[in-house]
């Protein structure tokens, strides 16, 4: 399978595909639920799975209903989706920010009684709301959590399937070590530890969504290639990087279970010029969705460029701040973002690699409106 995929990369740009067989999942964030639900309702025929995002795992192991899943607009959206036999897999998010929070997750997973109580709570939540399953999105775990996270997913998968429900697992993208650490020895690379056991996840999860976005500077090889060409490089998800991470994932997870997580957004960076003692820097100063960037492009009367990563970017200079205040000096900015064409490129990869499909993060009303036209 991997060999065929690598050969197929060479003809990726010249082949026309039909995407009808692909799963198309969408994450809809609770903080823009009205806009996301409205947009999804208008295009229900384009999706096969909906994941309201997110229930939130708390420090004590309980689940917070930040979604308000039994209220509008979710009730109407879910009702209409069920009519079209679209699956509903709400997401439970855990993203510990500091060591103490990471330790809380570790304790929850490592202690048998707490872990089993957590499994029961999730199963009860799914049954009560008549969901088709659940999407587990537990990120930023410590490596020591790996065996216990595997046990948790195994137990949860068994419990859900007793009721005919499915376990969807959302995990971080894994850059191949030889690309991530370009100057590190093979001996050190062999000792790299991960919090997610891809082999176990591939066995016990019904589907696995790889978060193929927020790449940034994660691939040192690609960073160096662009640096050598003198190009600014701050990708959301470079097509070449997506090929790498999905090929690596396929070594342990069946292709038929894999979905490529694709982004609908981007980021704004300040361009800090090089000095005698430092190289050029590009600190990130905020996120940008397609609508924001489109408005900015029109205001500035400039044309974004399709870059080597397959995404859009542009630079501009201004002495005016976000709220209209004077900055006192002219500053340069870089905006880099995903659009419908960027997503279409990932769809072609999913089809070429015989993957299950794609999962879009996020549908919140701010995505490229042309996105819907490339979904089939």
Protein backbone atom coordinates (compact mmCIF):
# COMPACT_ATOMS: atom_id res chain seq x y z
CA UNK A 1 0.00 0.00 0.00
CA UNK A 2 2.75 2.46 0.99
CA UNK A 3 4.81 1.61 -2.10
CA UNK A 4 1.80 2.27 -4.33
CA UNK A 5 1.15 5.55 -2.56
CA UNK A 6 4.72 6.74 -3.07
CA UNK A 7 4.60 5.89 -6.76
CA UNK A 8 1.25 7.60 -7.07
CA UNK A 9 2.65 10.87 -5.69
CA UNK A 10 4.47 11.37 -9.00
CA UNK A 11 1.18 11.58 -10.91
CA UNK A 12 -0.89 13.35 -8.24
CA UNK A 13 -1.22 16.59 -10.14
CA UNK A 14 -2.27 15.07 -13.46
CA UNK A 15 -4.98 12.61 -12.46
CA UNK A 16 -8.66 13.45 -12.09
CA UNK A 17 -10.47 11.67 -9.25
CA UNK A 18 -14.03 11.05 -8.13
CA UNK A 19 -14.43 11.70 -4.40
CA UNK A 20 -17.88 10.16 -3.91
CA UNK A 21 -16.63 7.27 -1.79
CA UNK A 22 -14.77 9.48 0.69
CA UNK A 23 -16.01 10.23 4.18
CA UNK A 24 -16.30 13.97 4.78
CA UNK A 25 -16.41 14.87 8.46
CA UNK A 26 -16.76 18.40 9.81
CA UNK A 27 -15.88 19.76 13.23
CA UNK A 28 -18.17 22.60 14.33
CA UNK A 29 -16.82 24.63 17.30
CA UNK A 30 -19.22 25.54 20.08
CA UNK A 31 -17.86 29.10 20.24
CA UNK A 32 -19.21 29.72 16.71
CA UNK A 33 -21.99 27.17 16.76
CA UNK A 34 -24.66 29.32 15.12
CA UNK A 35 -22.49 30.19 12.12
CA UNK A 36 -21.10 26.67 11.85
CA UNK A 37 -24.45 24.93 12.16
CA UNK A 38 -26.09 27.27 9.64
CA UNK A 39 -23.30 26.71 7.11
CA UNK A 40 -23.43 22.95 7.59
CA UNK A 41 -27.23 22.80 7.31
CA UNK A 42 -27.03 24.54 3.95
CA UNK A 43 -24.61 21.87 2.69
CA UNK A 44 -25.71 18.69 4.46
CA UNK A 45 -25.51 16.76 1.22
CA UNK A 46 -21.74 17.36 1.17
CA UNK A 47 -20.91 15.72 4.51
CA UNK A 48 -21.12 12.21 5.97
CA UNK A 49 -20.12 12.92 9.58
CA UNK A 50 -20.68 15.83 11.95
CA UNK A 51 -18.63 16.38 15.09
CA UNK A 52 -19.93 19.17 17.33
CA UNK A 53 -16.78 20.42 19.07
CA UNK A 54 -16.30 20.11 22.02
CA UNK A 55 -17.19 18.49 25.26
CA UNK A 56 -14.25 19.23 27.54
CA UNK A 57 -12.40 16.92 29.91
CA UNK A 58 -12.04 18.58 33.32
CA UNK A 59 -9.23 18.34 35.88
CA UNK A 60 -11.28 15.96 38.06
CA UNK A 61 -11.97 13.65 35.12
CA UNK A 62 -15.56 14.80 34.58
CA UNK A 63 -16.87 15.96 31.21
CA UNK A 64 -18.07 19.54 30.80
CA UNK A 65 -20.88 20.10 28.32
CA UNK A 66 -19.46 23.28 26.81
CA UNK A 67 -21.44 22.36 23.70
CA UNK A 68 -24.87 22.62 25.32
CA UNK A 69 -25.63 19.70 23.01
CA UNK A 70 -29.34 19.54 23.87
CA UNK A 71 -29.94 23.15 22.85
CA UNK A 72 -30.22 24.93 19.51
CA UNK A 73 -28.69 25.03 17.00
CA UNK A 74 -27.49 21.48 17.69
CA UNK A 75 -30.97 19.97 18.07
CA UNK A 76 -32.11 21.10 14.63
CA UNK A 77 -28.78 20.27 12.99
CA UNK A 78 -28.69 16.77 14.48
CA UNK A 79 -32.33 16.13 13.62
CA UNK A 80 -31.82 17.12 9.98
CA UNK A 81 -28.54 15.20 9.75
CA UNK A 82 -30.16 12.01 11.03
CA UNK A 83 -32.82 12.30 8.34
CA UNK A 84 -30.02 12.08 5.78
CA UNK A 85 -28.28 9.27 7.71
CA UNK A 86 -25.31 11.49 8.51
CA UNK A 87 -23.37 10.18 11.51
CA UNK A 88 -23.03 12.30 14.67
CA UNK A 89 -19.74 11.91 16.56
CA UNK A 90 -19.34 14.75 19.09
CA UNK A 91 -15.79 15.49 20.21
CA UNK A 92 -14.44 15.35 23.74
CA UNK A 93 -11.37 17.58 24.02
CA UNK A 94 -8.49 17.45 26.45
CA UNK A 95 -5.64 19.89 25.92
CA UNK A 96 -3.61 20.29 29.13
CA UNK A 97 -1.57 23.48 29.08
CA UNK A 98 0.83 22.90 31.99
CA UNK A 99 2.55 19.96 33.67
CA UNK A 100 -0.01 19.73 36.50
CA UNK A 101 -2.85 19.40 33.99
CA UNK A 102 -0.93 16.77 32.03
CA UNK A 103 -0.44 14.87 35.28
CA UNK A 104 -4.20 14.96 35.95
CA UNK A 105 -4.83 13.27 32.59
CA UNK A 106 -2.10 10.73 33.34
CA UNK A 107 -3.68 9.87 36.71
CA UNK A 108 -7.15 9.57 35.15
CA UNK A 109 -5.87 7.11 32.56
CA UNK A 110 -3.45 5.21 34.80
CA UNK A 111 -5.77 4.51 37.74
CA UNK A 112 -8.08 1.66 36.83
CA UNK A 113 -11.14 2.76 38.83
CA UNK A 114 -10.98 6.33 37.54
CA UNK A 115 -10.41 5.19 33.97
CA UNK A 116 -13.30 2.74 34.02
CA UNK A 117 -15.61 5.36 35.55
CA UNK A 118 -14.57 7.69 32.74
CA UNK A 119 -15.41 5.05 30.15
CA UNK A 120 -18.85 4.55 31.72
CA UNK A 121 -19.54 8.28 31.70
CA UNK A 122 -18.69 8.54 28.00
CA UNK A 123 -20.84 5.53 27.09
CA UNK A 124 -23.75 6.95 29.10
CA UNK A 125 -23.36 10.32 27.34
CA UNK A 126 -23.49 8.65 23.92
CA UNK A 127 -26.51 6.50 24.79
CA UNK A 128 -28.46 9.32 26.45
CA UNK A 129 -28.10 11.62 23.44
CA UNK A 130 -28.48 8.82 20.85
CA UNK A 131 -25.20 9.74 19.18
CA UNK A 132 -23.62 7.34 16.69
CA UNK A 133 -20.42 7.29 18.70
CA UNK A 134 -17.81 9.65 20.13
CA UNK A 135 -14.67 11.40 18.93
CA UNK A 136 -11.83 11.28 21.49
CA UNK A 137 -9.42 14.20 21.05
CA UNK A 138 -6.99 13.99 23.97
CA UNK A 139 -3.94 16.03 23.00
CA UNK A 140 -0.65 17.13 24.52
CA UNK A 141 -0.26 14.08 26.75
CA UNK A 142 3.03 13.06 28.30
CA UNK A 143 4.77 10.02 26.81
CA UNK A 144 4.28 8.08 30.06
CA UNK A 145 0.54 8.12 29.35
CA UNK A 146 0.94 5.93 26.26
CA UNK A 147 0.14 2.46 27.71
CA UNK A 148 -2.77 3.78 29.75
CA UNK A 149 -4.24 5.80 26.90
CA UNK A 150 -4.11 2.60 24.84
CA UNK A 151 -5.94 0.67 27.56
CA UNK A 152 -8.52 3.46 27.84
CA UNK A 153 -9.24 3.41 24.10
CA UNK A 154 -9.39 -0.38 24.08
CA UNK A 155 -11.91 -0.46 26.94
CA UNK A 156 -13.95 2.40 25.50
CA UNK A 157 -14.08 0.81 22.05
CA UNK A 158 -15.36 -2.48 23.45
CA UNK A 159 -17.99 -0.74 25.59
CA UNK A 160 -19.26 1.42 22.73
CA UNK A 161 -19.49 -1.43 20.24
CA UNK A 162 -21.70 -3.40 22.64
CA UNK A 163 -24.35 -0.78 21.84
CA UNK A 164 -23.50 -0.55 18.15
CA UNK A 165 -21.62 2.73 18.59
CA UNK A 166 -18.29 3.75 17.08
CA UNK A 167 -15.05 5.08 18.53
CA UNK A 168 -13.44 7.87 16.52
CA UNK A 169 -9.90 8.81 17.57
CA UNK A 170 -8.36 12.19 16.75
CA UNK A 171 -4.58 12.27 17.18
CA UNK A 172 -1.71 14.64 16.52
CA UNK A 173 0.19 14.40 13.25
CA UNK A 174 3.57 12.68 13.57
CA UNK A 175 6.36 14.10 11.45
CA UNK A 176 8.94 11.41 10.57
CA UNK A 177 11.86 11.91 13.00
CA UNK A 178 14.39 12.19 10.18
CA UNK A 179 12.41 15.17 8.84
CA UNK A 180 11.54 16.72 12.19
CA UNK A 181 15.07 16.55 13.59
CA UNK A 182 17.17 17.10 10.48
CA UNK A 183 20.53 17.30 12.26
CA UNK A 184 19.99 14.65 14.95
CA UNK A 185 21.85 11.34 14.92
CA UNK A 186 20.06 8.08 14.09
CA UNK A 187 20.95 6.72 17.53
CA UNK A 188 19.07 9.56 19.24
CA UNK A 189 16.18 9.33 16.78
CA UNK A 190 15.71 5.69 17.75
CA UNK A 191 14.90 6.81 21.31
CA UNK A 192 12.08 9.25 20.41
CA UNK A 193 9.02 8.56 22.59
CA UNK A 194 5.38 9.21 21.69
CA UNK A 195 2.21 9.55 23.77
CA UNK A 196 0.10 7.82 21.11
CA UNK A 197 0.64 4.17 20.22
CA UNK A 198 -0.34 4.18 16.56
CA UNK A 199 -0.42 0.38 16.39
CA UNK A 200 -2.95 0.06 19.21
CA UNK A 201 -4.95 3.04 17.99
CA UNK A 202 -5.11 1.46 14.55
CA UNK A 203 -6.56 -1.72 16.06
CA UNK A 204 -9.10 -0.41 18.57
CA UNK A 205 -10.43 2.78 16.93
CA UNK A 206 -13.06 2.52 14.20
CA UNK A 207 -11.64 5.59 12.49
CA UNK A 208 -8.56 7.72 13.11
CA UNK A 209 -8.43 11.40 12.24
CA UNK A 210 -4.87 12.71 11.87
CA UNK A 211 -4.64 16.43 12.66
CA UNK A 212 -2.73 17.33 9.51
CA UNK A 213 -2.50 21.04 10.25
CA UNK A 214 -0.61 23.56 12.41
CA UNK A 215 2.59 22.26 10.86
CA UNK A 216 4.55 25.47 11.45
CA UNK A 217 8.25 24.68 11.69
CA UNK A 218 7.73 21.02 12.61
CA UNK A 219 9.49 19.65 9.51
CA UNK A 220 13.09 20.85 9.67
CA UNK A 221 13.89 19.44 6.23
CA UNK A 222 11.14 21.44 4.55
CA UNK A 223 12.05 24.53 6.59
CA UNK A 224 15.65 24.31 5.39
CA UNK A 225 14.61 23.77 1.76
CA UNK A 226 12.56 26.96 1.76
CA UNK A 227 15.16 28.88 3.77
CA UNK A 228 17.81 27.98 1.21
CA UNK A 229 15.58 29.49 -1.47
CA UNK A 230 15.21 32.65 0.58
CA UNK A 231 11.47 32.15 1.04
CA UNK A 232 9.37 32.86 4.11
CA UNK A 233 7.82 29.58 5.24
CA UNK A 234 5.06 29.33 7.82
CA UNK A 235 2.72 26.60 6.47
CA UNK A 236 -0.55 25.48 8.00
CA UNK A 237 -0.17 22.16 6.17
CA UNK A 238 2.31 21.80 3.33
CA UNK A 239 1.15 19.17 0.81
CA UNK A 240 4.56 17.48 1.01
CA UNK A 241 4.34 17.32 4.81
CA UNK A 242 0.83 15.83 4.64
CA UNK A 243 2.12 13.10 2.34
CA UNK A 244 4.90 12.33 4.85
CA UNK A 245 2.71 12.15 7.94
CA UNK A 246 0.00 10.07 6.29
CA UNK A 247 2.54 7.65 4.80
CA UNK A 248 4.04 7.24 8.28
CA UNK A 249 0.61 6.72 9.84
CA UNK A 250 -0.21 4.05 7.28
CA UNK A 251 2.65 1.91 8.59
CA UNK A 252 0.59 1.20 11.73
CA UNK A 253 -2.99 2.25 10.98
CA UNK A 254 -5.04 0.70 8.16
CA UNK A 255 -5.57 3.20 5.35
CA UNK A 256 -9.32 2.43 5.33
CA UNK A 257 -9.54 3.87 8.87
CA UNK A 258 -7.58 7.08 8.27
CA UNK A 259 -8.99 10.56 7.69
CA UNK A 260 -6.81 13.56 6.89
CA UNK A 261 -7.63 16.47 9.17
CA UNK A 262 -7.69 19.59 6.96
CA UNK A 263 -7.66 23.24 7.99
CA UNK A 264 -9.90 26.09 6.88
CA UNK A 265 -7.85 28.83 8.55
CA UNK A 266 -4.42 30.38 8.81
CA UNK A 267 -2.26 32.77 10.84
CA UNK A 268 -0.84 36.28 10.82
CA UNK A 269 2.83 36.87 11.64
CA UNK A 270 4.94 39.95 12.15
CA UNK A 271 8.09 40.01 10.03
CA UNK A 272 10.95 41.18 12.23
CA UNK A 273 13.97 42.03 10.03
CA UNK A 274 17.34 40.43 10.57
CA UNK A 275 19.98 42.36 12.51
CA UNK A 276 23.72 42.03 12.90
CA UNK A 277 23.16 39.56 15.73
CA UNK A 278 19.92 37.79 14.76
CA UNK A 279 18.23 36.31 11.69
CA UNK A 280 14.77 37.27 10.44
CA UNK A 281 11.97 36.31 12.84
CA UNK A 282 8.24 35.81 12.26
CA UNK A 283 6.41 35.67 15.62
CA UNK A 284 2.79 34.63 15.31
CA UNK A 285 0.38 37.34 16.41
CA UNK A 286 -3.04 35.91 15.66
CA UNK A 287 -5.25 33.49 13.77
CA UNK A 288 -7.05 34.33 10.52
CA UNK A 289 -9.95 32.57 8.85
CA UNK A 290 -10.63 32.85 5.12
CA UNK A 291 -13.24 35.59 5.54
CA UNK A 292 -10.84 37.80 7.51
CA UNK A 293 -8.08 37.35 4.97
CA UNK A 294 -10.43 37.99 2.06
CA UNK A 295 -11.57 41.26 3.62
CA UNK A 296 -7.96 42.28 4.27
CA UNK A 297 -6.90 41.43 0.71
CA UNK A 298 -9.71 43.57 -0.70
CA UNK A 299 -8.90 46.45 1.63
CA UNK A 300 -5.21 46.33 0.69
CA UNK A 301 -5.99 45.73 -3.01
CA UNK A 302 -3.40 42.97 -3.29
CA UNK A 303 -3.39 39.47 -4.78
CA UNK A 304 -2.38 36.51 -2.57
CA UNK A 305 0.23 34.11 -3.94
CA UNK A 306 -0.11 30.32 -4.18
CA UNK A 307 3.07 29.19 -2.45
CA UNK A 308 5.21 26.06 -2.55
CA UNK A 309 3.16 24.51 0.27
CA UNK A 310 0.00 24.67 -1.85
CA UNK A 311 -1.53 27.38 0.35
CA UNK A 312 -2.04 31.13 0.01
CA UNK A 313 0.05 33.90 1.50
CA UNK A 314 0.72 37.61 1.18
CA UNK A 315 2.79 40.26 2.94
CA UNK A 316 2.01 43.88 3.64
CA UNK A 317 3.32 46.81 5.63
CA UNK A 318 1.39 49.23 7.80
CA UNK A 319 1.84 51.72 10.63
CA UNK A 320 -1.72 51.21 11.85
CA UNK A 321 -2.60 48.65 14.52
CA UNK A 322 -5.54 46.24 14.64
CA UNK A 323 -7.77 48.76 16.39
CA UNK A 324 -6.67 51.70 14.26
CA UNK A 325 -4.01 52.92 16.68
CA UNK A 326 -0.73 54.26 15.31
CA UNK A 327 2.17 51.85 15.79
CA UNK A 328 4.73 54.63 15.58
CA UNK A 329 6.68 52.81 12.89
CA UNK A 330 6.06 50.88 9.73
CA UNK A 331 5.77 47.14 10.40
CA UNK A 332 5.65 44.20 8.01
CA UNK A 333 3.26 41.29 8.29
CA UNK A 334 2.84 37.86 6.71
CA UNK A 335 -0.55 36.16 6.37
CA UNK A 336 -0.56 32.45 5.47
CA UNK A 337 -3.76 30.45 5.14
CA UNK A 338 -5.73 27.55 3.67
CA UNK A 339 -8.44 27.88 1.02
CA UNK A 340 -10.63 25.57 -1.08
CA UNK A 341 -7.75 24.66 -3.39
CA UNK A 342 -5.58 23.72 -0.40
CA UNK A 343 -8.33 21.40 0.80
CA UNK A 344 -8.78 19.94 -2.70
CA UNK A 345 -5.08 19.00 -2.68
CA UNK A 346 -5.59 17.01 0.54
CA UNK A 347 -8.67 15.32 -0.90
CA UNK A 348 -6.54 14.10 -3.81
CA UNK A 349 -4.04 12.66 -1.34
CA UNK A 350 -6.83 10.87 0.55
CA UNK A 351 -8.10 9.36 -2.68
CA UNK A 352 -4.65 8.44 -3.96
CA UNK A 353 -3.72 6.70 -0.70
CA UNK A 354 -7.10 4.93 -0.47
CA UNK A 355 -7.85 6.59 2.85
CA UNK A 356 -11.27 6.79 4.50
CA UNK A 357 -11.58 10.50 3.79
CA UNK A 358 -11.05 13.93 5.31
CA UNK A 359 -12.14 15.74 8.47
CA UNK A 360 -12.46 19.51 8.20
CA UNK A 361 -11.38 21.77 11.04
CA UNK A 362 -13.34 23.88 11.22
CA UNK A 363 -16.75 24.84 9.83
CA UNK A 364 -17.60 28.08 11.60
CA UNK A 365 -18.94 30.32 8.82
CA UNK A 366 -15.47 31.74 8.18
CA UNK A 367 -14.23 29.07 5.77
CA UNK A 368 -13.70 29.62 2.05
CA UNK A 369 -17.25 29.48 0.58
CA UNK A 370 -15.82 27.68 -2.45
CA UNK A 371 -14.91 24.76 -0.18
CA UNK A 372 -18.35 23.25 -0.52
CA UNK A 373 -18.03 23.07 -4.30
CA UNK A 374 -15.00 20.77 -4.10
CA UNK A 375 -16.73 18.34 -1.72
CA UNK A 376 -18.73 15.58 -3.41
